[in-house]
Amino acid sequence: MTLNQLKPPVIEPAVPSYFPHWRRRVYAIIGLLIAAVVVMAFATTIGSVQVPFFTTWRILFSRLPFVDIAPTWQSTIETIILQIRLPRVILAGLVGAALATAGATYQGLFRNPLADPYLIGAAQGASLGAVIGFLLPLQWQVMGFGIIPVLAFTGALLSVAIVYILARVGKTVPVTTLILAGVALGALWGSIVSYLTITSGEKLHGIMFWLMGSFSLSAWPEVMVVLPYMVIGVVVILLYSRSLNVMQLDEEQAKQLGIDVEKVKLILLAAATLITAAAVSFVGIIGFVGIIIPHAVRLIWGPDHRFLLPLCVLTGAIFLVLADLIARTALAPTEIPIGVITAICGVPFFLYLLRRRKRAVFF
């Protein structure tokens, strides 16, 4: 036996298995970002007045600084694109991103795959505030906006604040108690909303349309109000994505690893509630986005919140822009409530993903 044969075999260091997944998720974020821009530009071309795709691009690029494009289109076309369709498309993207991000945050925070942005009473509080606004005898204006979105925003925040106070035990907020308090208070608000709705008389149609969601009254002022809440809330949530990953183990283990669980929980609840309240205050209650999109993203790209959250932002925006496009064109000139479209389009896709995942696991 030679000396070389006695030497132990050289074992090459294995390439970390997470690297391909990390690279694939980064490519997915870049691809979805490009897709979001293309989808939003495409959505602005579709409507009762057909506008060529490249004309829309020229109109949009002409508004950028340091870009000089001679207008070859009618001024009415530019007004339709920039003042009617574009703010609606942008608001749909912001709302979709907000609901998907809030849903992913609640699911991670509560470690519950059934959690959605409305779990602890935000939707019910917003609904109660909006219905009260519909029933008020005077059409007040607050900071240039109607009383309905202002009361809806206030109702959502107050409802979650009450749930948080009721669930707080000493210096801690048990997750189970928080969920139960949210369900109980949501049931109370829902009962009041149901009674006010059936006694609303001729205002019943407007209330029902708001409760099912609509972007029909979207304009630039609404976009300018929702945008800062969306940016601040999403940035705060992204900053705590690593802490959210650690909290998936267990609250006690997270504390042992140096995470201030109660502080993180409060910050994430506040940020997710803020973007949810801002989203629903102008467009009404839009279901399924906050539960379907995080699930779909998690099934495709994994549960790491560092990538899950930004992917939810982009996927939620694309999904709701397309859903709104269907809502305003499928039965034009009649507009379908956006909540109906999100349910019809989202649930079959989600069931397909679950079926595909089941086959991958068992076969």
Protein backbone atom coordinates (compact mmCIF):
# COMPACT_ATOMS: atom_id res chain seq x y z
CA MET A 1 0.00 0.00 0.00
CA THR A 2 1.49 3.34 -1.02
CA LEU A 3 1.59 6.53 0.99
CA ASN A 4 -0.94 8.21 -1.30
CA GLN A 5 -3.42 5.44 -0.65
CA LEU A 6 -3.19 6.03 3.10
CA LYS A 7 -4.12 9.72 2.78
CA PRO A 8 -7.73 10.54 3.65
CA PRO A 9 -9.82 11.60 0.69
CA VAL A 10 -10.14 15.34 0.13
CA ILE A 11 -13.73 16.53 0.63
CA GLU A 12 -14.61 19.65 -1.33
CA PRO A 13 -16.68 22.20 0.62
CA ALA A 14 -20.30 22.06 -0.40
CA VAL A 15 -21.85 25.10 -2.03
CA PRO A 16 -24.47 26.53 0.35
CA SER A 17 -27.84 25.21 -0.72
CA TYR A 18 -29.53 28.55 -0.10
CA PHE A 19 -27.49 30.37 -2.76
CA PRO A 20 -29.47 29.19 -5.80
CA HIS A 21 -32.72 29.95 -3.98
CA TRP A 22 -31.45 33.40 -2.99
CA ARG A 23 -30.45 34.16 -6.57
CA ARG A 24 -33.76 32.86 -7.93
CA ARG A 25 -35.71 35.10 -5.54
CA VAL A 26 -33.70 38.16 -6.53
CA TYR A 27 -34.39 37.41 -10.20
CA ALA A 28 -38.07 37.01 -9.30
CA ILE A 29 -38.15 40.44 -7.63
CA ILE A 30 -36.54 42.07 -10.66
CA GLY A 31 -38.87 40.25 -13.04
CA LEU A 32 -41.98 41.14 -11.05
CA LEU A 33 -40.90 44.79 -10.85
CA ILE A 34 -40.63 44.94 -14.65
CA ALA A 35 -43.93 43.06 -14.99
CA ALA A 36 -45.65 45.50 -12.61
CA VAL A 37 -44.57 48.49 -14.71
CA VAL A 38 -45.69 46.82 -17.95
CA VAL A 39 -49.03 45.69 -16.50
CA MET A 40 -49.81 49.13 -15.11
CA ALA A 41 -48.95 50.78 -18.42
CA PHE A 42 -51.05 48.21 -20.28
CA ALA A 43 -54.01 48.76 -17.92
CA THR A 44 -54.04 52.48 -18.75
CA THR A 45 -54.59 51.69 -22.43
CA ILE A 46 -57.79 49.68 -21.87
CA GLY A 47 -61.15 51.37 -21.43
CA SER A 48 -64.14 52.77 -23.25
CA VAL A 49 -61.71 54.80 -25.37
CA GLN A 50 -59.01 52.56 -26.85
CA VAL A 51 -55.53 54.08 -26.78
CA PRO A 52 -52.60 52.37 -28.57
CA PHE A 53 -50.03 50.89 -26.22
CA PHE A 54 -47.11 52.88 -27.60
CA THR A 55 -49.11 56.09 -27.50
CA THR A 56 -49.69 55.48 -23.79
CA TRP A 57 -45.95 54.94 -23.28
CA ARG A 58 -45.17 58.18 -25.14
CA ILE A 59 -47.68 60.11 -23.04
CA LEU A 60 -46.26 58.68 -19.79
CA PHE A 61 -42.63 59.29 -20.80
CA SER A 62 -43.46 62.84 -21.88
CA ARG A 63 -44.23 63.68 -18.23
CA LEU A 64 -40.79 62.61 -17.02
CA PRO A 65 -38.17 65.30 -16.32
CA PHE A 66 -35.52 65.88 -19.00
CA VAL A 67 -37.63 63.98 -21.56
CA ASP A 68 -38.84 65.99 -24.57
CA ILE A 69 -41.44 64.21 -26.71
CA ALA A 70 -43.48 66.22 -29.19
CA PRO A 71 -47.18 65.46 -28.65
CA THR A 72 -48.83 63.77 -31.62
CA TRP A 73 -52.00 62.86 -29.75
CA GLN A 74 -55.15 64.76 -28.86
CA SER A 75 -55.33 66.59 -25.54
CA THR A 76 -58.43 64.59 -24.58
CA ILE A 77 -56.41 61.35 -24.88
CA GLU A 78 -53.76 62.76 -22.57
CA THR A 79 -56.44 63.79 -20.07
CA ILE A 80 -57.97 60.30 -20.11
CA ILE A 81 -54.59 58.65 -19.56
CA LEU A 82 -53.11 61.00 -16.95
CA GLN A 83 -56.15 62.20 -15.02
CA ILE A 84 -58.61 59.29 -15.13
CA ARG A 85 -56.90 55.96 -15.76
CA LEU A 86 -53.40 56.43 -14.36
CA PRO A 87 -54.43 57.45 -10.81
CA ARG A 88 -56.90 54.56 -10.73
CA VAL A 89 -54.25 52.06 -11.83
CA ILE A 90 -51.68 53.40 -9.36
CA LEU A 91 -54.19 53.35 -6.50
CA ALA A 92 -55.12 49.75 -7.37
CA GLY A 93 -51.43 48.82 -7.28
CA LEU A 94 -50.91 50.54 -3.94
CA VAL A 95 -53.95 48.90 -2.37
CA GLY A 96 -52.98 45.46 -3.68
CA ALA A 97 -49.44 45.85 -2.39
CA ALA A 98 -50.68 47.08 1.00
CA LEU A 99 -53.18 44.25 1.52
CA ALA A 100 -50.74 41.54 0.40
CA THR A 101 -47.95 42.89 2.62
CA ALA A 102 -50.24 43.28 5.61
CA GLY A 103 -51.56 39.75 5.10
CA ALA A 104 -48.05 38.28 4.97
CA THR A 105 -47.14 40.24 8.11
CA TYR A 106 -50.17 39.01 10.07
CA GLN A 107 -49.61 35.42 8.94
CA GLY A 108 -46.00 35.54 10.09
CA LEU A 109 -46.75 37.41 13.29
CA PHE A 110 -49.58 35.10 14.36
CA ARG A 111 -47.96 32.00 12.80
CA ASN A 112 -51.39 31.31 11.32
CA PRO A 113 -51.87 30.62 7.59
CA LEU A 114 -55.50 31.77 7.81
CA ALA A 115 -54.63 35.27 9.05
CA ASP A 116 -55.48 38.19 6.79
CA PRO A 117 -55.30 42.01 7.09
CA TYR A 118 -58.79 42.10 8.59
CA LEU A 119 -58.22 39.49 11.31
CA ILE A 120 -58.24 41.85 14.30
CA GLY A 121 -61.07 44.14 13.31
CA ALA A 122 -59.69 46.63 10.77
CA ALA A 123 -62.27 45.82 8.09
CA GLN A 124 -65.20 45.78 10.49
CA GLY A 125 -64.14 49.09 12.06
CA ALA A 126 -63.68 50.67 8.62
CA SER A 127 -67.10 49.38 7.53
CA LEU A 128 -68.79 50.84 10.61
CA GLY A 129 -67.13 54.21 10.05
CA ALA A 130 -68.06 54.25 6.37
CA VAL A 131 -71.70 53.30 6.99
CA ILE A 132 -72.00 56.05 9.59
CA GLY A 133 -70.58 58.45 7.00
CA PHE A 134 -73.18 57.36 4.47
CA LEU A 135 -76.00 57.89 6.97
CA LEU A 136 -74.96 61.32 8.19
CA PRO A 137 -77.41 63.98 6.96
CA LEU A 138 -74.65 66.39 5.92
CA GLN A 139 -71.87 65.77 3.38
CA TRP A 140 -68.95 67.14 5.34
CA GLN A 141 -65.48 67.71 3.98
CA VAL A 142 -62.32 67.03 6.01
CA MET A 143 -59.04 68.23 4.47
CA GLY A 144 -60.67 68.22 1.03
CA PHE A 145 -61.99 64.65 1.31
CA GLY A 146 -65.47 63.36 1.96
CA ILE A 147 -66.42 62.23 5.43
CA ILE A 148 -66.77 58.57 4.38
CA PRO A 149 -63.05 57.75 3.82
CA VAL A 150 -62.07 59.79 6.88
CA LEU A 151 -64.49 57.90 9.13
CA ALA A 152 -63.50 54.57 7.55
CA PHE A 153 -59.81 55.24 8.25
CA THR A 154 -60.56 56.37 11.80
CA GLY A 155 -62.84 53.39 12.45
CA ALA A 156 -60.19 50.90 11.31
CA LEU A 157 -57.49 52.38 13.54
CA LEU A 158 -59.78 52.72 16.57
CA SER A 159 -61.04 49.16 16.21
CA VAL A 160 -57.53 47.67 16.17
CA ALA A 161 -56.48 49.92 19.06
CA ILE A 162 -59.42 48.70 21.17
CA VAL A 163 -58.58 45.07 20.33
CA TYR A 164 -54.96 45.61 21.32
CA ILE A 165 -55.93 47.21 24.65
CA LEU A 166 -58.43 44.42 25.42
CA ALA A 167 -55.88 41.71 24.61
CA ARG A 168 -53.00 43.23 26.56
CA VAL A 169 -52.09 41.32 29.71
CA GLY A 170 -49.57 43.26 31.77
CA LYS A 171 -46.69 44.02 29.43
CA THR A 172 -47.46 41.23 26.99
CA VAL A 173 -50.03 40.67 24.27
CA PRO A 174 -50.77 36.94 23.82
CA VAL A 175 -51.43 36.16 20.18
CA THR A 176 -54.39 33.90 20.91
CA THR A 177 -56.05 36.55 23.08
CA LEU A 178 -55.44 39.17 20.39
CA ILE A 179 -57.11 37.03 17.72
CA LEU A 180 -60.07 36.17 19.95
CA ALA A 181 -60.57 39.82 20.91
CA GLY A 182 -60.43 40.77 17.23
CA VAL A 183 -63.00 38.15 16.26
CA ALA A 184 -65.35 39.14 19.09
CA LEU A 185 -65.17 42.87 18.44
CA GLY A 186 -65.40 42.30 14.68
CA ALA A 187 -68.59 40.33 15.21
CA LEU A 188 -70.04 43.21 17.25
CA TRP A 189 -69.15 45.81 14.60
CA GLY A 190 -70.48 43.50 11.88
CA SER A 191 -73.84 43.20 13.63
CA ILE A 192 -74.13 46.97 13.94
CA VAL A 193 -73.17 47.43 10.28
CA SER A 194 -75.80 44.87 9.21
CA TYR A 195 -78.53 46.65 11.17
CA LEU A 196 -77.55 50.10 9.85
CA THR A 197 -77.40 48.74 6.30
CA ILE A 198 -80.88 47.20 6.24
CA THR A 199 -82.35 50.42 7.70
CA SER A 200 -80.47 52.77 5.35
CA GLY A 201 -83.28 53.20 2.81
CA GLU A 202 -82.20 54.69 -0.52
CA LYS A 203 -78.55 54.72 0.57
CA LEU A 204 -78.44 50.91 0.60
CA HIS A 205 -76.95 50.62 -2.90
CA GLY A 206 -74.07 52.99 -2.15
CA ILE A 207 -73.29 51.22 1.11
CA MET A 208 -73.29 47.76 -0.48
CA PHE A 209 -71.10 48.93 -3.36
CA TRP A 210 -68.57 50.41 -0.92
CA LEU A 211 -68.57 47.27 1.22
CA MET A 212 -67.70 45.16 -1.86
CA GLY A 213 -64.93 47.50 -2.98
CA SER A 214 -64.53 49.81 -5.96
CA PHE A 215 -61.94 52.08 -7.58
CA SER A 216 -64.52 54.07 -9.54
CA LEU A 217 -63.87 57.32 -7.64
CA SER A 218 -60.06 57.12 -7.73
CA ALA A 219 -58.16 60.36 -8.36
CA TRP A 220 -54.73 61.85 -7.69
CA PRO A 221 -55.65 63.24 -4.21
CA GLU A 222 -56.48 59.73 -3.02
CA VAL A 223 -53.17 58.43 -4.42
CA MET A 224 -51.24 61.18 -2.66
CA VAL A 225 -52.89 60.29 0.67
CA VAL A 226 -52.42 56.52 0.44
CA LEU A 227 -48.84 56.66 -0.92
CA PRO A 228 -47.01 57.97 2.20
CA TYR A 229 -48.81 55.52 4.50
CA MET A 230 -47.96 52.71 2.10
CA VAL A 231 -44.28 53.64 1.80
CA ILE A 232 -43.72 54.18 5.51
CA GLY A 233 -45.62 51.06 6.57
CA VAL A 234 -43.94 48.74 4.05
CA VAL A 235 -40.45 50.09 4.82
CA VAL A 236 -40.98 49.53 8.55
CA ILE A 237 -42.23 45.99 7.95
CA LEU A 238 -39.27 45.20 5.67
CA LEU A 239 -36.83 46.43 8.32
CA TYR A 240 -38.21 43.82 10.72
CA SER A 241 -38.25 40.95 8.21
CA ARG A 242 -35.32 39.19 9.93
CA SER A 243 -37.00 39.47 13.32
CA LEU A 244 -40.16 38.06 11.78
CA ASN A 245 -38.16 35.08 10.54
CA VAL A 246 -36.79 34.43 14.02
CA MET A 247 -40.26 34.70 15.56
CA GLN A 248 -41.44 31.78 13.41
CA LEU A 249 -39.59 29.47 15.82
CA ASP A 250 -41.33 30.46 19.03
CA GLU A 251 -41.69 33.61 21.09
CA GLU A 252 -39.55 32.17 23.90
CA GLN A 253 -36.81 31.10 21.53
CA ALA A 254 -36.94 34.49 19.82
CA LYS A 255 -36.42 36.18 23.20
CA GLN A 256 -33.44 33.95 23.89
CA LEU A 257 -31.97 35.02 20.54
CA GLY A 258 -32.19 38.68 21.51
CA ILE A 259 -35.50 39.70 19.91
CA ASP A 260 -37.69 42.10 21.88
CA VAL A 261 -40.84 40.19 20.95
CA GLU A 262 -43.42 42.57 22.39
CA LYS A 263 -41.79 45.61 20.79
CA VAL A 264 -41.54 43.91 17.40
CA LYS A 265 -45.11 42.67 17.70
CA LEU A 266 -46.42 46.18 18.45
CA ILE A 267 -44.45 47.80 15.62
CA LEU A 268 -45.53 45.22 13.05
CA LEU A 269 -49.16 45.37 14.17
CA ALA A 270 -49.14 49.16 13.93
CA ALA A 271 -47.48 49.22 10.50
CA ALA A 272 -49.71 46.51 9.01
CA THR A 273 -52.85 48.11 10.44
CA LEU A 274 -51.84 51.54 9.16
CA ILE A 275 -51.43 50.43 5.55
CA THR A 276 -54.60 48.34 5.74
CA ALA A 277 -56.64 51.27 7.07
CA ALA A 278 -55.24 53.60 4.41
CA ALA A 279 -56.00 51.04 1.69
CA VAL A 280 -59.63 50.37 2.60
CA SER A 281 -60.59 53.92 3.53
CA PHE A 282 -61.00 55.07 -0.11
CA VAL A 283 -61.86 51.87 -1.97
CA GLY A 284 -63.84 49.77 0.49
CA ILE A 285 -63.36 46.22 1.71
CA ILE A 286 -61.48 44.03 -0.79
CA GLY A 287 -61.25 40.44 0.32
CA PHE A 288 -58.97 37.51 -0.54
CA VAL A 289 -55.94 39.58 -1.59
CA GLY A 290 -54.34 39.57 1.84
CA ILE A 291 -54.69 35.81 2.29
CA ILE A 292 -54.24 34.45 -1.24
CA ILE A 293 -51.22 36.45 -2.41
CA PRO A 294 -48.96 35.64 0.61
CA HIS A 295 -49.89 31.96 0.30
CA ALA A 296 -49.14 31.88 -3.43
CA VAL A 297 -45.81 33.66 -2.98
CA ARG A 298 -44.85 31.38 -0.09
CA LEU A 299 -45.66 28.25 -2.11
CA ILE A 300 -43.61 29.42 -5.09
CA TRP A 301 -40.62 31.20 -3.50
CA GLY A 302 -40.52 29.99 0.10
CA PRO A 303 -41.22 31.41 3.57
CA ASP A 304 -38.17 33.67 4.09
CA HIS A 305 -39.73 37.05 4.94
CA ARG A 306 -36.71 38.94 3.59
CA PHE A 307 -37.91 37.92 0.13
CA LEU A 308 -41.52 37.02 0.86
CA LEU A 309 -42.50 40.59 1.78
CA PRO A 310 -41.09 42.42 -1.29
CA LEU A 311 -42.45 39.66 -3.53
CA CYS A 312 -45.87 40.15 -1.91
CA VAL A 313 -45.68 43.90 -2.58
CA LEU A 314 -45.15 43.36 -6.32
CA THR A 315 -47.45 40.36 -6.74
CA GLY A 316 -50.28 42.05 -4.83
CA ALA A 317 -49.96 45.18 -6.96
CA ILE A 318 -50.04 43.20 -10.22
CA PHE A 319 -52.95 41.04 -9.10
CA LEU A 320 -55.21 43.92 -8.06
CA VAL A 321 -54.40 46.04 -11.14
CA LEU A 322 -55.46 43.12 -13.35
CA ALA A 323 -58.52 42.45 -11.18
CA ASP A 324 -59.59 46.10 -11.46
CA LEU A 325 -59.03 45.98 -15.21
CA ILE A 326 -61.46 43.05 -15.44
CA ALA A 327 -63.92 44.78 -13.10
CA ARG A 328 -64.23 47.88 -15.28
CA THR A 329 -64.15 46.21 -18.70
CA ALA A 330 -65.84 42.78 -18.43
CA LEU A 331 -69.42 44.19 -18.39
CA ALA A 332 -68.69 47.75 -19.53
CA PRO A 333 -70.21 50.27 -19.05
CA THR A 334 -71.39 48.52 -15.86
CA GLU A 335 -68.64 48.11 -13.28
CA ILE A 336 -68.35 44.92 -11.24
CA PRO A 337 -67.39 45.31 -7.56
CA ILE A 338 -63.70 44.51 -7.21
CA GLY A 339 -64.34 42.11 -4.33
CA VAL A 340 -66.28 39.83 -6.68
CA ILE A 341 -63.39 39.74 -9.15
CA THR A 342 -60.75 39.02 -6.51
CA ALA A 343 -62.79 36.07 -5.29
CA ILE A 344 -63.52 34.65 -8.76
CA CYS A 345 -59.93 35.06 -10.00
CA GLY A 346 -58.02 34.44 -6.81
CA VAL A 347 -59.64 31.38 -5.29
CA PRO A 348 -59.25 29.00 -8.28
CA PHE A 349 -55.62 30.04 -8.73
CA PHE A 350 -54.96 29.48 -5.06
CA LEU A 351 -56.63 26.05 -5.13
CA TYR A 352 -54.50 25.14 -8.14
CA LEU A 353 -51.35 26.06 -6.23
CA LEU A 354 -52.46 24.02 -3.24
CA ARG A 355 -53.19 21.03 -5.47
CA ARG A 356 -49.81 21.37 -7.16
CA ARG A 357 -48.09 21.62 -3.78
CA LYS A 358 -49.94 18.54 -2.53
CA ARG A 359 -48.78 16.48 -5.50
CA ALA A 360 -45.20 17.66 -4.98
CA VAL A 361 -45.31 16.57 -1.33
CA PHE A 362 -47.03 13.19 -1.64
CA PHE A 363 -45.72 12.08 -5.00
